[in-house]
PDB file of N, CA and C in Angstrom:
ATOM      1  N   MET A   1      -4.640  -3.311 -27.557  1.00  0.00           N
ATOM      2  CA  MET A   1      -3.472  -2.903 -26.825  1.00  0.00           C
ATOM      3  C   MET A   1      -3.856  -1.982 -25.672  1.00  0.00           C
ATOM      4  N   GLY A   2      -4.867  -1.170 -25.876  1.00  0.00           N
ATOM      5  CA  GLY A   2      -5.314  -0.284 -24.811  1.00  0.00           C
ATOM      6  C   GLY A   2      -5.865  -1.057 -23.626  1.00  0.00           C
ATOM      7  N   SER A   3      -6.518  -2.203 -23.902  1.00  0.00           N
ATOM      8  CA  SER A   3      -7.064  -2.991 -22.802  1.00  0.00           C
ATOM      9  C   SER A   3      -5.949  -3.598 -21.954  1.00  0.00           C
ATOM     10  N   ARG A   4      -4.808  -3.912 -22.585  1.00  0.00           N
ATOM     11  CA  ARG A   4      -3.702  -4.473 -21.815  1.00  0.00           C
ATOM     12  C   ARG A   4      -3.193  -3.473 -20.784  1.00  0.00           C
ATOM     13  N   PHE A   5      -3.088  -2.211 -21.194  1.00  0.00           N
ATOM     14  CA  PHE A   5      -2.607  -1.198 -20.269  1.00  0.00           C
ATOM     15  C   PHE A   5      -3.613  -0.951 -19.157  1.00  0.00           C
ATOM     16  N   SER A   6      -4.891  -0.966 -19.469  1.00  0.00           N
ATOM     17  CA  SER A   6      -5.890  -0.739 -18.418  1.00  0.00           C
ATOM     18  C   SER A   6      -5.910  -1.917 -17.451  1.00  0.00           C
ATOM     19  N   ARG A   7      -5.705  -3.135 -17.964  1.00  0.00           N
ATOM     20  CA  ARG A   7      -5.677  -4.297 -17.077  1.00  0.00           C
ATOM     21  C   ARG A   7      -4.479  -4.211 -16.136  1.00  0.00           C
ATOM     22  N   ASP A   8      -3.335  -3.806 -16.673  1.00  0.00           N
ATOM     23  CA  ASP A   8      -2.143  -3.677 -15.836  1.00  0.00           C
ATOM     24  C   ASP A   8      -2.332  -2.609 -14.781  1.00  0.00           C
ATOM     25  N   SER A   9      -2.946  -1.492 -15.138  1.00  0.00           N
ATOM     26  CA  SER A   9      -3.133  -0.429 -14.151  1.00  0.00           C
ATOM     27  C   SER A   9      -4.118  -0.860 -13.073  1.00  0.00           C
ATOM     28  N   ARG A  10      -5.133  -1.652 -13.427  1.00  0.00           N
ATOM     29  CA  ARG A  10      -6.054  -2.159 -12.407  1.00  0.00           C
ATOM     30  C   ARG A  10      -5.324  -3.083 -11.454  1.00  0.00           C
ATOM     31  N   HIS A  11      -4.448  -3.931 -12.011  1.00  0.00           N
ATOM     32  CA  HIS A  11      -3.700  -4.865 -11.171  1.00  0.00           C
ATOM     33  C   HIS A  11      -2.808  -4.102 -10.193  1.00  0.00           C
ATOM     34  N   ARG A  12      -2.196  -3.046 -10.650  1.00  0.00           N
ATOM     35  CA  ARG A  12      -1.320  -2.272  -9.780  1.00  0.00           C
ATOM     36  C   ARG A  12      -2.104  -1.632  -8.648  1.00  0.00           C
ATOM     37  N   ARG A  13      -3.302  -1.161  -8.916  1.00  0.00           N
ATOM     38  CA  ARG A  13      -4.098  -0.519  -7.870  1.00  0.00           C
ATOM     39  C   ARG A  13      -4.568  -1.521  -6.827  1.00  0.00           C
ATOM     40  N   ASN A  14      -4.688  -2.790  -7.184  1.00  0.00           N
ATOM     41  CA  ASN A  14      -5.180  -3.799  -6.253  1.00  0.00           C
ATOM     42  C   ASN A  14      -4.081  -4.378  -5.369  1.00  0.00           C
ATOM     43  N   ASP A  15      -2.842  -4.026  -5.613  1.00  0.00           N
ATOM     44  CA  ASP A  15      -1.735  -4.555  -4.838  1.00  0.00           C
ATOM     45  C   ASP A  15      -1.152  -3.450  -3.960  1.00  0.00           C
ATOM     46  N   PRO A  16      -1.621  -3.329  -2.704  1.00  0.00           N
ATOM     47  CA  PRO A  16      -1.185  -2.211  -1.859  1.00  0.00           C
ATOM     48  C   PRO A  16       0.300  -2.245  -1.535  1.00  0.00           C
ATOM     49  N   LEU A  17       0.890  -3.420  -1.409  1.00  0.00           N
ATOM     50  CA  LEU A  17       2.314  -3.488  -1.116  1.00  0.00           C
ATOM     51  C   LEU A  17       3.131  -2.951  -2.283  1.00  0.00           C
ATOM     52  N   ALA A  18       2.763  -3.364  -3.497  1.00  0.00           N
ATOM     53  CA  ALA A  18       3.472  -2.868  -4.679  1.00  0.00           C
ATOM     54  C   ALA A  18       3.277  -1.365  -4.830  1.00  0.00           C
ATOM     55  N   GLU A  19       2.084  -0.880  -4.534  1.00  0.00           N
ATOM     56  CA  GLU A  19       1.821   0.557  -4.615  1.00  0.00           C
ATOM     57  C   GLU A  19       2.665   1.323  -3.596  1.00  0.00           C
ATOM     58  N   ALA A  20       2.812   0.791  -2.397  1.00  0.00           N
ATOM     59  CA  ALA A  20       3.630   1.451  -1.373  1.00  0.00           C
ATOM     60  C   ALA A  20       5.092   1.495  -1.802  1.00  0.00           C
ATOM     61  N   VAL A  21       5.580   0.392  -2.354  1.00  0.00           N
ATOM     62  CA  VAL A  21       6.964   0.347  -2.827  1.00  0.00           C
ATOM     63  C   VAL A  21       7.147   1.339  -3.963  1.00  0.00           C
ATOM     64  N   ARG A  22       6.168   1.391  -4.865  1.00  0.00           N
ATOM     65  CA  ARG A  22       6.246   2.314  -5.996  1.00  0.00           C
ATOM     66  C   ARG A  22       6.276   3.762  -5.521  1.00  0.00           C
ATOM     67  N   ARG A  23       5.431   4.100  -4.529  1.00  0.00           N
ATOM     68  CA  ARG A  23       5.414   5.469  -4.001  1.00  0.00           C
ATOM     69  C   ARG A  23       6.746   5.828  -3.351  1.00  0.00           C
ATOM     70  N   ILE A  24       7.320   4.883  -2.627  1.00  0.00           N
ATOM     71  CA  ILE A  24       8.613   5.135  -1.974  1.00  0.00           C
ATOM     72  C   ILE A  24       9.688   5.346  -3.032  1.00  0.00           C
ATOM     73  N   ALA A  25       9.717   4.485  -4.037  1.00  0.00           N
ATOM     74  CA  ALA A  25      10.740   4.599  -5.078  1.00  0.00           C
ATOM     75  C   ALA A  25      10.591   5.891  -5.873  1.00  0.00           C
ATOM     76  N   ILE A  26       9.363   6.262  -6.216  1.00  0.00           N
ATOM     77  CA  ILE A  26       9.142   7.495  -6.967  1.00  0.00           C
ATOM     78  C   ILE A  26       9.481   8.701  -6.118  1.00  0.00           C
ATOM     79  N   GLY A  27       9.096   8.673  -4.853  1.00  0.00           N
ATOM     80  CA  GLY A  27       9.390   9.798  -3.963  1.00  0.00           C
ATOM     81  C   GLY A  27      10.876  10.018  -3.815  1.00  0.00           C
ATOM     82  N   ARG A  28      11.633   8.977  -3.751  1.00  0.00           N
ATOM     83  CA  ARG A  28      13.084   9.109  -3.612  1.00  0.00           C
ATOM     84  C   ARG A  28      13.731   9.540  -4.921  1.00  0.00           C
ATOM     85  N   SER A  29      13.162   9.141  -6.038  1.00  0.00           N
ATOM     86  CA  SER A  29      13.767   9.518  -7.312  1.00  0.00           C
ATOM     87  C   SER A  29      13.509  10.982  -7.638  1.00  0.00           C
ATOM     88  N   ARG A  30      12.526  11.601  -7.025  1.00  0.00           N
ATOM     89  CA  ARG A  30      12.205  13.006  -7.285  1.00  0.00           C
ATOM     90  C   ARG A  30      12.967  13.963  -6.390  1.00  0.00           C
ATOM     91  N   ARG A  31      13.758  13.468  -5.473  1.00  0.00           N
ATOM     92  CA  ARG A  31      14.520  14.349  -4.582  1.00  0.00           C
ATOM     93  C   ARG A  31      15.516  15.181  -5.372  1.00  0.00           C
ATOM     94  N   ALA A  32      15.784  16.374  -4.862  1.00  0.00           N
ATOM     95  CA  ALA A  32      16.683  17.288  -5.558  1.00  0.00           C
ATOM     96  C   ALA A  32      18.149  16.861  -5.435  1.00  0.00           C
ATOM     97  N   VAL A  33      18.457  16.076  -4.420  1.00  0.00           N
ATOM     98  CA  VAL A  33      19.840  15.657  -4.196  1.00  0.00           C
ATOM     99  C   VAL A  33      20.176  14.529  -5.169  1.00  0.00           C
ATOM    100  N   PRO A  34      21.154  14.735  -6.029  1.00  0.00           N
ATOM    101  CA  PRO A  34      21.508  13.666  -6.967  1.00  0.00           C
ATOM    102  C   PRO A  34      22.225  12.535  -6.237  1.00  0.00           C
ATOM    103  N   SER A  35      21.903  11.335  -6.604  1.00  0.00           N
ATOM    104  CA  SER A  35      22.549  10.195  -5.959  1.00  0.00           C
ATOM    105  C   SER A  35      23.574   9.596  -6.918  1.00  0.00           C
ATOM    106  N   PRO A  36      24.771   9.325  -6.438  1.00  0.00           N
ATOM    107  CA  PRO A  36      25.777   8.699  -7.292  1.00  0.00           C
ATOM    108  C   PRO A  36      25.391   7.253  -7.574  1.00  0.00           C
ATOM    109  N   HIS A  37      26.001   6.678  -8.590  1.00  0.00           N
ATOM    110  CA  HIS A  37      25.660   5.297  -8.968  1.00  0.00           C
ATOM    111  C   HIS A  37      25.982   4.303  -7.870  1.00  0.00           C
ATOM    112  N   GLY A  38      26.942   4.588  -7.027  1.00  0.00           N
ATOM    113  CA  GLY A  38      27.302   3.693  -5.942  1.00  0.00           C
ATOM    114  C   GLY A  38      26.279   3.667  -4.820  1.00  0.00           C
ATOM    115  N   ASP A  39      25.332   4.592  -4.846  1.00  0.00           N
ATOM    116  CA  ASP A  39      24.324   4.700  -3.793  1.00  0.00           C
ATOM    117  C   ASP A  39      23.152   3.740  -4.008  1.00  0.00           C
ATOM    118  N   VAL A  40      23.174   2.978  -5.086  1.00  0.00           N
ATOM    119  CA  VAL A  40      22.075   2.070  -5.402  1.00  0.00           C
ATOM    120  C   VAL A  40      21.907   1.035  -4.295  1.00  0.00           C
ATOM    121  N   ASP A  41      23.000   0.506  -3.772  1.00  0.00           N
ATOM    122  CA  ASP A  41      22.921  -0.492  -2.707  1.00  0.00           C
ATOM    123  C   ASP A  41      22.272   0.089  -1.458  1.00  0.00           C
ATOM    124  N   ALA A  42      22.616   1.316  -1.124  1.00  0.00           N
ATOM    125  CA  ALA A  42      22.028   1.956   0.057  1.00  0.00           C
ATOM    126  C   ALA A  42      20.542   2.212  -0.158  1.00  0.00           C
ATOM    127  N   ARG A  43      20.166   2.645  -1.361  1.00  0.00           N
ATOM    128  CA  ARG A  43      18.747   2.885  -1.657  1.00  0.00           C
ATOM    129  C   ARG A  43      17.964   1.583  -1.608  1.00  0.00           C
ATOM    130  N   LEU A  44      18.547   0.519  -2.145  1.00  0.00           N
ATOM    131  CA  LEU A  44      17.884  -0.776  -2.134  1.00  0.00           C
ATOM    132  C   LEU A  44      17.713  -1.290  -0.708  1.00  0.00           C
ATOM    133  N   ALA A  45      18.722  -1.130   0.124  1.00  0.00           N
ATOM    134  CA  ALA A  45      18.631  -1.556   1.520  1.00  0.00           C
ATOM    135  C   ALA A  45      17.552  -0.773   2.253  1.00  0.00           C
ATOM    136  N   ALA A  46      17.483   0.531   2.004  1.00  0.00           N
ATOM    137  CA  ALA A  46      16.446   1.345   2.647  1.00  0.00           C
ATOM    138  C   ALA A  46      15.063   0.935   2.166  1.00  0.00           C
ATOM    139  N   LEU A  47      14.943   0.659   0.885  1.00  0.00           N
ATOM    140  CA  LEU A  47      13.660   0.225   0.335  1.00  0.00           C
ATOM    141  C   LEU A  47      13.239  -1.115   0.929  1.00  0.00           C
ATOM    142  N   GLU A  48      14.179  -2.026   1.082  1.00  0.00           N
ATOM    143  CA  GLU A  48      13.874  -3.323   1.685  1.00  0.00           C
ATOM    144  C   GLU A  48      13.437  -3.167   3.139  1.00  0.00           C
ATOM    145  N   ARG A  49      14.068  -2.245   3.876  1.00  0.00           N
ATOM    146  CA  ARG A  49      13.642  -1.994   5.259  1.00  0.00           C
ATOM    147  C   ARG A  49      12.217  -1.455   5.309  1.00  0.00           C
ATOM    148  N   GLU A  50      11.895  -0.555   4.401  1.00  0.00           N
ATOM    149  CA  GLU A  50      10.554   0.024   4.400  1.00  0.00           C
ATOM    150  C   GLU A  50       9.510  -0.999   3.974  1.00  0.00           C
ATOM    151  N   VAL A  51       9.836  -1.859   3.020  1.00  0.00           N
ATOM    152  CA  VAL A  51       8.918  -2.923   2.616  1.00  0.00           C
ATOM    153  C   VAL A  51       8.710  -3.878   3.783  1.00  0.00           C
ATOM    154  N   SER A  52       9.774  -4.179   4.509  1.00  0.00           N
ATOM    155  CA  SER A  52       9.662  -5.044   5.674  1.00  0.00           C
ATOM    156  C   SER A  52       8.745  -4.427   6.726  1.00  0.00           C
ATOM    157  N   GLU A  53       8.856  -3.116   6.902  1.00  0.00           N
ATOM    158  CA  GLU A  53       7.988  -2.424   7.854  1.00  0.00           C
ATOM    159  C   GLU A  53       6.527  -2.495   7.420  1.00  0.00           C
ATOM    160  N   VAL A  54       6.269  -2.337   6.126  1.00  0.00           N
ATOM    161  CA  VAL A  54       4.898  -2.431   5.611  1.00  0.00           C
ATOM    162  C   VAL A  54       4.355  -3.832   5.841  1.00  0.00           C
ATOM    163  N   ARG A  55       5.163  -4.836   5.551  1.00  0.00           N
ATOM    164  CA  ARG A  55       4.716  -6.221   5.773  1.00  0.00           C
ATOM    165  C   ARG A  55       4.435  -6.480   7.251  1.00  0.00           C
ATOM    166  N   THR A  56       5.274  -5.936   8.131  1.00  0.00           N
ATOM    167  CA  THR A  56       5.059  -6.108   9.566  1.00  0.00           C
ATOM    168  C   THR A  56       3.727  -5.494   9.982  1.00  0.00           C
ATOM    169  N   ARG A  57       3.430  -4.308   9.462  1.00  0.00           N
ATOM    170  CA  ARG A  57       2.162  -3.659   9.809  1.00  0.00           C
ATOM    171  C   ARG A  57       0.967  -4.421   9.263  1.00  0.00           C
ATOM    172  N   VAL A  58       1.090  -4.947   8.046  1.00  0.00           N
ATOM    173  CA  VAL A  58      -0.002  -5.739   7.468  1.00  0.00           C
ATOM    174  C   VAL A  58      -0.214  -6.999   8.291  1.00  0.00           C
ATOM    175  N   ASN A  59       0.865  -7.668   8.678  1.00  0.00           N
ATOM    176  CA  ASN A  59       0.738  -8.869   9.506  1.00  0.00           C
ATOM    177  C   ASN A  59       0.115  -8.548  10.863  1.00  0.00           C
ATOM    178  N   ALA A  60       0.506  -7.434  11.457  1.00  0.00           N
ATOM    179  CA  ALA A  60      -0.070  -7.042  12.745  1.00  0.00           C
ATOM    180  C   ALA A  60      -1.569  -6.796  12.613  1.00  0.00           C
ATOM    181  N   LEU A  61      -1.970  -6.140  11.542  1.00  0.00           N
ATOM    182  CA  LEU A  61      -3.388  -5.900  11.313  1.00  0.00           C
ATOM    183  C   LEU A  61      -4.139  -7.208  11.114  1.00  0.00           C
ATOM    184  N   PHE A  62      -3.548  -8.120  10.350  1.00  0.00           N
ATOM    185  CA  PHE A  62      -4.160  -9.420  10.110  1.00  0.00           C
ATOM    186  C   PHE A  62      -4.363 -10.180  11.418  1.00  0.00           C
ATOM    187  N   PHE A  63      -3.339 -10.236  12.250  1.00  0.00           N
ATOM    188  CA  PHE A  63      -3.456 -10.973  13.505  1.00  0.00           C
ATOM    189  C   PHE A  63      -4.407 -10.281  14.475  1.00  0.00           C
ATOM    190  N   THR A  64      -4.508  -8.969  14.407  1.00  0.00           N
ATOM    191  CA  THR A  64      -5.480  -8.257  15.245  1.00  0.00           C
ATOM    192  C   THR A  64      -6.901  -8.634  14.849  1.00  0.00           C
ATOM    193  N   VAL A  65      -7.160  -8.700  13.554  1.00  0.00           N
ATOM    194  CA  VAL A  65      -8.494  -9.090  13.074  1.00  0.00           C
ATOM    195  C   VAL A  65      -8.797 -10.525  13.467  1.00  0.00           C
ATOM    196  N   ILE A  66      -7.820 -11.422  13.323  1.00  0.00           N
ATOM    197  CA  ILE A  66      -8.022 -12.826  13.707  1.00  0.00           C
ATOM    198  C   ILE A  66      -8.295 -12.933  15.212  1.00  0.00           C
ATOM    199  N   ALA A  67      -7.545 -12.197  16.024  1.00  0.00           N
ATOM    200  CA  ALA A  67      -7.753 -12.236  17.474  1.00  0.00           C
ATOM    201  C   ALA A  67      -9.132 -11.709  17.849  1.00  0.00           C
ATOM    202  N   ALA A  68      -9.572 -10.657  17.182  1.00  0.00           N
ATOM    203  CA  ALA A  68     -10.905 -10.111  17.455  1.00  0.00           C
ATOM    204  C   ALA A  68     -11.986 -11.120  17.072  1.00  0.00           C
ATOM    205  N   ALA A  69     -11.805 -11.796  15.946  1.00  0.00           N
ATOM    206  CA  ALA A  69     -12.785 -12.800  15.517  1.00  0.00           C
ATOM    207  C   ALA A  69     -12.815 -13.974  16.490  1.00  0.00           C
ATOM    208  N   LEU A  70     -11.647 -14.414  16.936  1.00  0.00           N
ATOM    209  CA  LEU A  70     -11.610 -15.514  17.914  1.00  0.00           C
ATOM    210  C   LEU A  70     -12.228 -15.099  19.249  1.00  0.00           C
ATOM    211  N   GLY A  71     -11.954 -13.855  19.650  1.00  0.00           N
ATOM    212  CA  GLY A  71     -12.571 -13.362  20.893  1.00  0.00           C
ATOM    213  C   GLY A  71     -14.082 -13.317  20.782  1.00  0.00           C
ATOM    214  N   ASP A  72     -14.583 -12.890  19.646  1.00  0.00           N
ATOM    215  CA  ASP A  72     -16.023 -12.859  19.422  1.00  0.00           C
ATOM    216  C   ASP A  72     -16.606 -14.279  19.438  1.00  0.00           C
ATOM    217  N   LEU A  73     -15.904 -15.212  18.808  1.00  0.00           N
ATOM    218  CA  LEU A  73     -16.365 -16.601  18.779  1.00  0.00           C
ATOM    219  C   LEU A  73     -16.410 -17.196  20.187  1.00  0.00           C
ATOM    220  N   VAL A  74     -15.375 -16.950  20.971  1.00  0.00           N
ATOM    221  CA  VAL A  74     -15.336 -17.468  22.344  1.00  0.00           C
ATOM    222  C   VAL A  74     -16.441 -16.836  23.178  1.00  0.00           C
ATOM    223  N   ALA A  75     -16.651 -15.532  23.017  1.00  0.00           N
ATOM    224  CA  ALA A  75     -17.705 -14.858  23.777  1.00  0.00           C
ATOM    225  C   ALA A  75     -19.078 -15.421  23.415  1.00  0.00           C
ATOM    226  N   ARG A  76     -19.313 -15.679  22.145  1.00  0.00           N
ATOM    227  CA  ARG A  76     -20.607 -16.257  21.746  1.00  0.00           C
ATOM    228  C   ARG A  76     -20.766 -17.686  22.281  1.00  0.00           C
ATOM    229  N   ALA A  77     -19.674 -18.452  22.319  1.00  0.00           N
ATOM    230  CA  ALA A  77     -19.749 -19.832  22.821  1.00  0.00           C
ATOM    231  C   ALA A  77     -20.020 -19.838  24.323  1.00  0.00           C
ATOM    232  N   VAL A  78     -19.412 -18.908  25.049  1.00  0.00           N
ATOM    233  CA  VAL A  78     -19.596 -18.860  26.496  1.00  0.00           C
ATOM    234  C   VAL A  78     -20.993 -18.378  26.852  1.00  0.00           C
ATOM    235  N   LEU A  79     -21.486 -17.392  26.118  1.00  0.00           N
ATOM    236  CA  LEU A  79     -22.797 -16.843  26.412  1.00  0.00           C
ATOM    237  C   LEU A  79     -23.939 -17.685  25.879  1.00  0.00           C
ATOM    238  N   ALA A  80     -23.674 -18.613  24.985  1.00  0.00           N
ATOM    239  CA  ALA A  80     -24.735 -19.418  24.380  1.00  0.00           C
ATOM    240  C   ALA A  80     -25.165 -20.559  25.235  1.00  0.00           C
TER     241      ALA A  80
END
């Protein structure tokens, strides 16, 4: 049973998007201002916006790396 928990914790550490969502959710739950039950929709909408922002940044980084690799490939082809 102990190995199951360690496997789950390893999986969580390897998923940066899930970790970011978890940090946002935990950070908001620790605030001193109590949130009424009706505020769940607003919290969920804010969380979805922040997850969308994280995905946008990850995609931007991915395309930047791809563009750099293509630029390097073109430069090597031209100079060769």
